[in-house]
């Protein structure tokens, strides 16, 4: 991955700039709510229901944008897996 592409994505995330297209071959540093929902095959309504139940991933704000870091998404998947395992033993 070229460092200039990485820096462009990082700048966009930090400064709340929306990029029209994501650079090819660049893994996201953070998801928008819509991107998170698409990546995890859940609806936005489900995301916000989970948020009400304090079961959604940690969010961060960049200006007016609501973002979920890839680390928070990973931690959320691990927490949900552990919760399912403990409920289904």
C-alpha atoms as a PDB file:
ATOM      1  CA  UNK A   1       0.000   0.000   0.000  1.00  0.00           C
ATOM      2  CA  UNK A   2       1.383   3.396  -0.899  1.00  0.00           C
ATOM      3  CA  UNK A   3       1.900   5.678   2.047  1.00  0.00           C
ATOM      4  CA  UNK A   4       0.256   8.606   0.249  1.00  0.00           C
ATOM      5  CA  UNK A   5      -3.009   6.615  -0.017  1.00  0.00           C
ATOM      6  CA  UNK A   6      -2.769   5.696   3.658  1.00  0.00           C
ATOM      7  CA  UNK A   7      -2.188   9.321   4.620  1.00  0.00           C
ATOM      8  CA  UNK A   8      -5.136  10.462   2.493  1.00  0.00           C
ATOM      9  CA  UNK A   9      -7.457   8.020   4.255  1.00  0.00           C
ATOM     10  CA  UNK A  10      -6.084   8.951   7.698  1.00  0.00           C
ATOM     11  CA  UNK A  11      -6.486  12.665   6.922  1.00  0.00           C
ATOM     12  CA  UNK A  12     -10.066  12.092   5.777  1.00  0.00           C
ATOM     13  CA  UNK A  13     -10.941  10.193   8.963  1.00  0.00           C
ATOM     14  CA  UNK A  14      -9.331  12.697  11.329  1.00  0.00           C
ATOM     15  CA  UNK A  15     -10.745  15.761   9.596  1.00  0.00           C
ATOM     16  CA  UNK A  16     -14.166  14.374   8.784  1.00  0.00           C
ATOM     17  CA  UNK A  17     -13.645  14.660   5.045  1.00  0.00           C
ATOM     18  CA  UNK A  18     -15.789  12.307   3.044  1.00  0.00           C
ATOM     19  CA  UNK A  19     -13.922  10.613   0.235  1.00  0.00           C
ATOM     20  CA  UNK A  20     -15.984   9.800  -2.856  1.00  0.00           C
ATOM     21  CA  UNK A  21     -14.193   6.491  -3.325  1.00  0.00           C
ATOM     22  CA  UNK A  22     -12.004   4.501  -1.048  1.00  0.00           C
ATOM     23  CA  UNK A  23      -8.538   3.936  -2.497  1.00  0.00           C
ATOM     24  CA  UNK A  24      -8.140   0.442  -3.934  1.00  0.00           C
ATOM     25  CA  UNK A  25      -6.239  -1.919  -1.671  1.00  0.00           C
ATOM     26  CA  UNK A  26      -6.530   0.270   1.422  1.00  0.00           C
ATOM     27  CA  UNK A  27      -8.093  -1.290   4.486  1.00  0.00           C
ATOM     28  CA  UNK A  28     -10.362   1.093   6.390  1.00  0.00           C
ATOM     29  CA  UNK A  29      -9.177   2.613   9.657  1.00  0.00           C
ATOM     30  CA  UNK A  30     -12.772   3.219  10.667  1.00  0.00           C
ATOM     31  CA  UNK A  31     -16.274   2.483   9.436  1.00  0.00           C
ATOM     32  CA  UNK A  32     -19.202   4.837   9.098  1.00  0.00           C
ATOM     33  CA  UNK A  33     -22.349   3.397  10.682  1.00  0.00           C
ATOM     34  CA  UNK A  34     -23.611   2.419   7.216  1.00  0.00           C
ATOM     35  CA  UNK A  35     -20.297   0.741   6.324  1.00  0.00           C
ATOM     36  CA  UNK A  36     -20.189  -1.086   9.652  1.00  0.00           C
ATOM     37  CA  UNK A  37     -23.737  -2.347   9.181  1.00  0.00           C
ATOM     38  CA  UNK A  38     -23.020  -3.518   5.635  1.00  0.00           C
ATOM     39  CA  UNK A  39     -19.752  -5.213   6.667  1.00  0.00           C
ATOM     40  CA  UNK A  40     -21.499  -7.033   9.537  1.00  0.00           C
ATOM     41  CA  UNK A  41     -24.768  -7.808   7.716  1.00  0.00           C
ATOM     42  CA  UNK A  42     -27.003  -5.923  10.136  1.00  0.00           C
ATOM     43  CA  UNK A  43     -29.515  -3.170   9.491  1.00  0.00           C
ATOM     44  CA  UNK A  44     -29.066   0.371  10.754  1.00  0.00           C
ATOM     45  CA  UNK A  45     -32.175  -0.174  12.902  1.00  0.00           C
ATOM     46  CA  UNK A  46     -30.485  -3.174  14.513  1.00  0.00           C
ATOM     47  CA  UNK A  47     -27.339  -1.108  15.113  1.00  0.00           C
ATOM     48  CA  UNK A  48     -29.311   1.618  16.894  1.00  0.00           C
ATOM     49  CA  UNK A  49     -31.312  -0.971  18.867  1.00  0.00           C
ATOM     50  CA  UNK A  50     -28.017  -2.490  20.022  1.00  0.00           C
ATOM     51  CA  UNK A  51     -26.813   0.997  20.912  1.00  0.00           C
ATOM     52  CA  UNK A  52     -29.890   1.535  23.116  1.00  0.00           C
ATOM     53  CA  UNK A  53     -29.071  -1.740  24.873  1.00  0.00           C
ATOM     54  CA  UNK A  54     -25.390  -0.730  25.296  1.00  0.00           C
ATOM     55  CA  UNK A  55     -24.412  -3.635  23.064  1.00  0.00           C
ATOM     56  CA  UNK A  56     -23.144  -1.676  20.055  1.00  0.00           C
ATOM     57  CA  UNK A  57     -19.466  -1.141  19.334  1.00  0.00           C
ATOM     58  CA  UNK A  58     -17.758   1.918  20.764  1.00  0.00           C
ATOM     59  CA  UNK A  59     -18.191   4.941  18.539  1.00  0.00           C
ATOM     60  CA  UNK A  60     -16.024   7.985  17.998  1.00  0.00           C
ATOM     61  CA  UNK A  61     -16.792  11.309  16.418  1.00  0.00           C
ATOM     62  CA  UNK A  62     -14.815  13.160  13.786  1.00  0.00           C
ATOM     63  CA  UNK A  63     -16.604  16.447  13.375  1.00  0.00           C
ATOM     64  CA  UNK A  64     -20.216  15.505  12.715  1.00  0.00           C
ATOM     65  CA  UNK A  65     -19.344  12.008  11.511  1.00  0.00           C
ATOM     66  CA  UNK A  66     -19.957   8.989  13.715  1.00  0.00           C
ATOM     67  CA  UNK A  67     -17.294   6.350  13.186  1.00  0.00           C
ATOM     68  CA  UNK A  68     -16.457   2.890  14.488  1.00  0.00           C
ATOM     69  CA  UNK A  69     -12.753   2.042  14.540  1.00  0.00           C
ATOM     70  CA  UNK A  70     -11.672  -1.305  13.171  1.00  0.00           C
ATOM     71  CA  UNK A  71     -10.418  -2.124  16.680  1.00  0.00           C
ATOM     72  CA  UNK A  72     -13.831  -1.354  18.195  1.00  0.00           C
ATOM     73  CA  UNK A  73     -15.494  -3.498  15.515  1.00  0.00           C
ATOM     74  CA  UNK A  74     -13.139  -6.380  16.314  1.00  0.00           C
ATOM     75  CA  UNK A  75     -13.754  -6.027  20.066  1.00  0.00           C
ATOM     76  CA  UNK A  76     -17.523  -5.923  19.446  1.00  0.00           C
ATOM     77  CA  UNK A  77     -17.396  -9.148  17.413  1.00  0.00           C
ATOM     78  CA  UNK A  78     -15.413 -10.837  20.176  1.00  0.00           C
ATOM     79  CA  UNK A  79     -17.850  -9.596  22.868  1.00  0.00           C
ATOM     80  CA  UNK A  80     -20.884 -10.739  20.893  1.00  0.00           C
ATOM     81  CA  UNK A  81     -19.294 -14.139  20.291  1.00  0.00           C
ATOM     82  CA  UNK A  82     -18.531 -14.580  23.993  1.00  0.00           C
ATOM     83  CA  UNK A  83     -22.066 -13.484  24.938  1.00  0.00           C
ATOM     84  CA  UNK A  84     -23.546 -16.013  22.504  1.00  0.00           C
ATOM     85  CA  UNK A  85     -21.279 -18.785  23.798  1.00  0.00           C
ATOM     86  CA  UNK A  86     -22.186 -18.105  27.422  1.00  0.00           C
ATOM     87  CA  UNK A  87     -25.916 -18.035  26.586  1.00  0.00           C
ATOM     88  CA  UNK A  88     -25.762 -21.274  24.600  1.00  0.00           C
ATOM     89  CA  UNK A  89     -23.763 -23.622  26.784  1.00  0.00           C
END
